[in-house]
Amino acid sequence: MAVLKIVRDKERCLECLECIHVCPQSHPGQKHPVIVEAANKNDPPEIANPDNCIQCLSCFNTCRSMAITFEDYHRVEKMIVDHYLVREAGKII
């Protein structure tokens, strides 16, 4: 499966911090959270540890300003279809 890279557009961000609250990899207590509050409170959240992103798309689906996206997101539908076809083919074989 292809890996999607999380991307943040700081110009679009409303600084609501909802992305941090919905991300299962950014909850308090996580050793290496994906999304963190910026050191400067006047800046939008930062993608601190993108390699820890599990690509659940919670942040993407929650972001009202569409400030968080994933590179090659258009491939997600194809990956889901491919996964389904492989699973169904396994039942036949």
N, C-alpha and C. Protein backbone atom coordinates (compact mmCIF):
# COMPACT_ATOMS: atom_id res chain seq x y z
N MET A 1 0.85 -1.18 0.00
CA MET A 1 0.00 0.00 0.00
C MET A 1 0.89 1.24 0.00
N ALA A 2 0.50 2.22 -0.78
CA ALA A 2 1.25 3.47 -0.84
C ALA A 2 1.12 4.24 0.47
N VAL A 3 2.12 4.98 0.80
CA VAL A 3 2.11 5.79 2.02
C VAL A 3 1.75 7.22 1.65
N LEU A 4 0.78 7.76 2.34
CA LEU A 4 0.37 9.15 2.12
C LEU A 4 1.13 10.04 3.07
N LYS A 5 1.60 11.15 2.58
CA LYS A 5 2.35 12.09 3.42
C LYS A 5 1.42 13.20 3.88
N ILE A 6 1.36 13.41 5.20
CA ILE A 6 0.52 14.46 5.77
C ILE A 6 1.16 15.83 5.51
N VAL A 7 0.32 16.80 5.12
CA VAL A 7 0.79 18.14 4.77
C VAL A 7 -0.12 19.16 5.44
N ARG A 8 0.46 20.22 5.99
CA ARG A 8 -0.32 21.29 6.62
C ARG A 8 -0.07 22.59 5.89
N ASP A 9 -1.14 23.31 5.63
CA ASP A 9 -1.05 24.62 5.00
C ASP A 9 -1.28 25.66 6.10
N LYS A 10 -0.20 26.26 6.58
CA LYS A 10 -0.32 27.18 7.72
C LYS A 10 -1.11 28.44 7.38
N GLU A 11 -1.22 28.78 6.12
CA GLU A 11 -1.99 29.96 5.72
C GLU A 11 -3.49 29.73 5.89
N ARG A 12 -3.93 28.50 5.74
CA ARG A 12 -5.35 28.18 5.84
C ARG A 12 -5.78 27.86 7.27
N CYS A 13 -4.84 27.49 8.10
CA CYS A 13 -5.15 27.01 9.45
C CYS A 13 -5.85 28.08 10.29
N LEU A 14 -6.90 27.66 11.00
CA LEU A 14 -7.65 28.54 11.89
C LEU A 14 -7.15 28.47 13.33
N GLU A 15 -6.18 27.60 13.56
CA GLU A 15 -5.58 27.40 14.89
C GLU A 15 -6.60 26.96 15.92
N CYS A 16 -7.54 26.13 15.51
CA CYS A 16 -8.56 25.62 16.42
C CYS A 16 -8.06 24.43 17.24
N LEU A 17 -7.00 23.81 16.79
CA LEU A 17 -6.35 22.66 17.45
C LEU A 17 -7.19 21.39 17.42
N GLU A 18 -8.27 21.38 16.66
CA GLU A 18 -9.10 20.17 16.57
C GLU A 18 -8.32 19.00 16.00
N CYS A 19 -7.37 19.27 15.11
CA CYS A 19 -6.57 18.20 14.52
C CYS A 19 -5.81 17.43 15.59
N ILE A 20 -5.32 18.14 16.59
CA ILE A 20 -4.59 17.49 17.68
C ILE A 20 -5.53 16.63 18.51
N HIS A 21 -6.73 17.13 18.76
CA HIS A 21 -7.69 16.42 19.61
C HIS A 21 -8.22 15.15 18.96
N VAL A 22 -8.35 15.12 17.64
CA VAL A 22 -8.90 13.93 16.98
C VAL A 22 -7.84 12.92 16.58
N CYS A 23 -6.60 13.32 16.53
CA CYS A 23 -5.52 12.43 16.08
C CYS A 23 -5.19 11.40 17.17
N PRO A 24 -5.35 10.11 16.88
CA PRO A 24 -5.02 9.10 17.88
C PRO A 24 -3.52 9.04 18.20
N GLN A 25 -2.71 9.61 17.34
CA GLN A 25 -1.26 9.62 17.53
C GLN A 25 -0.77 10.93 18.14
N SER A 26 -1.68 11.81 18.53
CA SER A 26 -1.27 13.11 19.08
C SER A 26 -1.90 13.41 20.43
N HIS A 27 -2.54 12.43 21.03
CA HIS A 27 -3.15 12.63 22.33
C HIS A 27 -2.08 12.88 23.39
N PRO A 28 -2.45 13.55 24.47
CA PRO A 28 -1.48 13.77 25.56
C PRO A 28 -0.91 12.43 26.03
N GLY A 29 0.37 12.44 26.26
CA GLY A 29 1.04 11.23 26.71
C GLY A 29 1.74 10.46 25.60
N GLN A 30 1.44 10.81 24.35
CA GLN A 30 2.14 10.15 23.23
C GLN A 30 3.60 10.59 23.25
N LYS A 31 4.50 9.63 23.07
CA LYS A 31 5.93 9.97 23.09
C LYS A 31 6.33 10.85 21.92
N HIS A 32 5.84 10.52 20.74
CA HIS A 32 6.21 11.26 19.53
C HIS A 32 4.94 11.62 18.75
N PRO A 33 4.19 12.61 19.23
CA PRO A 33 2.92 12.96 18.58
C PRO A 33 3.13 13.47 17.16
N VAL A 34 2.16 13.18 16.33
CA VAL A 34 2.22 13.62 14.93
C VAL A 34 2.02 15.13 14.84
N ILE A 35 0.96 15.62 15.47
CA ILE A 35 0.63 17.05 15.42
C ILE A 35 0.78 17.64 16.81
N VAL A 36 1.46 18.76 16.90
CA VAL A 36 1.69 19.41 18.20
C VAL A 36 1.36 20.90 18.10
N GLU A 37 1.07 21.48 19.25
CA GLU A 37 0.90 22.93 19.29
C GLU A 37 2.23 23.58 18.98
N ALA A 38 2.20 24.71 18.31
CA ALA A 38 3.43 25.43 17.98
C ALA A 38 4.03 26.02 19.25
N ALA A 39 5.34 26.15 19.26
CA ALA A 39 6.04 26.75 20.40
C ALA A 39 5.54 28.18 20.62
N ASN A 40 5.35 28.90 19.52
CA ASN A 40 4.80 30.25 19.57
C ASN A 40 3.28 30.13 19.47
N LYS A 41 2.56 30.54 20.47
CA LYS A 41 1.10 30.39 20.51
C LYS A 41 0.37 31.12 19.38
N ASN A 42 1.07 32.01 18.67
CA ASN A 42 0.45 32.73 17.56
C ASN A 42 0.61 31.98 16.24
N ASP A 43 1.26 30.83 16.27
CA ASP A 43 1.47 30.03 15.06
C ASP A 43 0.54 28.82 15.06
N PRO A 44 0.24 28.31 13.87
CA PRO A 44 -0.63 27.12 13.78
C PRO A 44 0.10 25.87 14.26
N PRO A 45 -0.64 24.80 14.55
CA PRO A 45 -0.02 23.55 14.96
C PRO A 45 1.00 23.07 13.93
N GLU A 46 1.92 22.26 14.40
CA GLU A 46 2.98 21.77 13.52
C GLU A 46 2.88 20.26 13.36
N ILE A 47 3.29 19.78 12.21
CA ILE A 47 3.42 18.35 11.98
C ILE A 47 4.81 17.99 12.49
N ALA A 48 4.87 17.41 13.68
CA ALA A 48 6.15 17.17 14.35
C ALA A 48 6.77 15.83 13.98
N ASN A 49 5.96 14.81 13.90
CA ASN A 49 6.46 13.46 13.63
C ASN A 49 5.61 12.77 12.56
N PRO A 50 5.76 13.19 11.31
CA PRO A 50 4.91 12.65 10.25
C PRO A 50 5.06 11.14 10.06
N ASP A 51 6.21 10.58 10.43
CA ASP A 51 6.40 9.14 10.28
C ASP A 51 5.52 8.33 11.22
N ASN A 52 4.99 8.96 12.27
CA ASN A 52 4.11 8.27 13.21
C ASN A 52 2.64 8.32 12.80
N CYS A 53 2.36 9.01 11.71
CA CYS A 53 0.98 9.12 11.22
C CYS A 53 0.50 7.75 10.75
N ILE A 54 -0.68 7.34 11.23
CA ILE A 54 -1.24 6.05 10.82
C ILE A 54 -2.23 6.19 9.67
N GLN A 55 -2.35 7.38 9.14
CA GLN A 55 -3.17 7.69 7.98
C GLN A 55 -4.64 7.33 8.17
N CYS A 56 -5.14 7.61 9.36
CA CYS A 56 -6.56 7.37 9.64
C CYS A 56 -7.43 8.45 9.02
N LEU A 57 -6.82 9.57 8.67
CA LEU A 57 -7.47 10.71 8.03
C LEU A 57 -8.42 11.47 8.96
N SER A 58 -8.34 11.23 10.26
CA SER A 58 -9.19 11.94 11.21
C SER A 58 -8.95 13.45 11.15
N CYS A 59 -7.70 13.85 11.10
CA CYS A 59 -7.38 15.28 11.04
C CYS A 59 -7.90 15.89 9.74
N PHE A 60 -7.72 15.18 8.66
CA PHE A 60 -8.18 15.64 7.35
C PHE A 60 -9.69 15.82 7.34
N ASN A 61 -10.40 14.84 7.87
CA ASN A 61 -11.87 14.88 7.89
C ASN A 61 -12.42 15.92 8.85
N THR A 62 -11.65 16.29 9.86
CA THR A 62 -12.09 17.24 10.88
C THR A 62 -11.77 18.68 10.53
N CYS A 63 -10.71 18.91 9.80
CA CYS A 63 -10.23 20.27 9.53
C CYS A 63 -11.24 21.06 8.70
N ARG A 64 -11.83 22.07 9.32
CA ARG A 64 -12.85 22.90 8.66
C ARG A 64 -12.27 23.78 7.56
N SER A 65 -11.01 24.14 7.71
CA SER A 65 -10.40 25.04 6.74
C SER A 65 -9.60 24.30 5.67
N MET A 66 -9.62 22.99 5.73
CA MET A 66 -8.87 22.14 4.79
C MET A 66 -7.38 22.50 4.79
N ALA A 67 -6.86 22.78 5.99
CA ALA A 67 -5.45 23.12 6.13
C ALA A 67 -4.58 21.87 6.21
N ILE A 68 -5.19 20.72 6.48
CA ILE A 68 -4.44 19.47 6.52
C ILE A 68 -4.90 18.61 5.36
N THR A 69 -3.95 18.18 4.57
CA THR A 69 -4.23 17.30 3.45
C THR A 69 -3.17 16.20 3.43
N PHE A 70 -3.31 15.32 2.49
CA PHE A 70 -2.34 14.25 2.29
C PHE A 70 -1.93 14.26 0.83
N GLU A 71 -0.62 14.22 0.60
CA GLU A 71 -0.14 14.14 -0.78
C GLU A 71 -0.68 12.86 -1.40
N ASP A 72 -1.07 12.94 -2.64
CA ASP A 72 -1.60 11.79 -3.38
C ASP A 72 -2.88 11.23 -2.78
N TYR A 73 -3.66 12.09 -2.13
CA TYR A 73 -4.91 11.64 -1.51
C TYR A 73 -5.85 11.02 -2.55
N HIS A 74 -5.77 11.49 -3.77
CA HIS A 74 -6.64 10.96 -4.82
C HIS A 74 -6.43 9.46 -5.02
N ARG A 75 -5.32 8.92 -4.53
CA ARG A 75 -5.05 7.49 -4.67
C ARG A 75 -5.77 6.66 -3.62
N VAL A 76 -6.31 7.29 -2.60
CA VAL A 76 -6.95 6.55 -1.51
C VAL A 76 -8.07 5.67 -2.03
N GLU A 77 -8.95 6.22 -2.85
CA GLU A 77 -10.06 5.44 -3.38
C GLU A 77 -9.55 4.23 -4.15
N LYS A 78 -8.50 4.43 -4.96
CA LYS A 78 -7.93 3.32 -5.72
C LYS A 78 -7.34 2.27 -4.78
N MET A 79 -6.69 2.70 -3.71
CA MET A 79 -6.10 1.74 -2.77
C MET A 79 -7.19 0.91 -2.10
N ILE A 80 -8.32 1.55 -1.78
CA ILE A 80 -9.43 0.82 -1.15
C ILE A 80 -10.00 -0.20 -2.12
N VAL A 81 -10.18 0.19 -3.37
CA VAL A 81 -10.70 -0.73 -4.38
C VAL A 81 -9.72 -1.87 -4.59
N ASP A 82 -8.43 -1.57 -4.70
CA ASP A 82 -7.42 -2.61 -4.89
C ASP A 82 -7.43 -3.59 -3.72
N HIS A 83 -7.53 -3.08 -2.49
CA HIS A 83 -7.56 -3.94 -1.31
C HIS A 83 -8.78 -4.86 -1.36
N TYR A 84 -9.92 -4.31 -1.73
CA TYR A 84 -11.15 -5.09 -1.83
C TYR A 84 -11.00 -6.18 -2.88
N LEU A 85 -10.44 -5.85 -4.05
CA LEU A 85 -10.29 -6.83 -5.12
C LEU A 85 -9.35 -7.96 -4.71
N VAL A 86 -8.27 -7.63 -4.04
CA VAL A 86 -7.33 -8.65 -3.58
C VAL A 86 -8.01 -9.57 -2.55
N ARG A 87 -8.77 -8.97 -1.63
CA ARG A 87 -9.47 -9.76 -0.62
C ARG A 87 -10.48 -10.70 -1.28
N GLU A 88 -11.25 -10.20 -2.24
CA GLU A 88 -12.25 -11.02 -2.91
C GLU A 88 -11.59 -12.09 -3.77
N ALA A 89 -10.47 -11.77 -4.41
CA ALA A 89 -9.76 -12.76 -5.23
C ALA A 89 -9.25 -13.89 -4.34
N GLY A 90 -8.85 -13.57 -3.13
CA GLY A 90 -8.38 -14.59 -2.20
C GLY A 90 -9.46 -15.59 -1.84
N LYS A 91 -10.72 -15.16 -1.87
CA LYS A 91 -11.83 -16.07 -1.57
C LYS A 91 -12.07 -17.05 -2.71
N ILE A 92 -11.73 -16.62 -3.92
CA ILE A 92 -11.97 -17.46 -5.10
C ILE A 92 -10.85 -18.49 -5.26
N ILE A 93 -9.64 -18.05 -4.97
CA ILE A 93 -8.47 -18.92 -5.21
C ILE A 93 -8.38 -20.01 -4.23
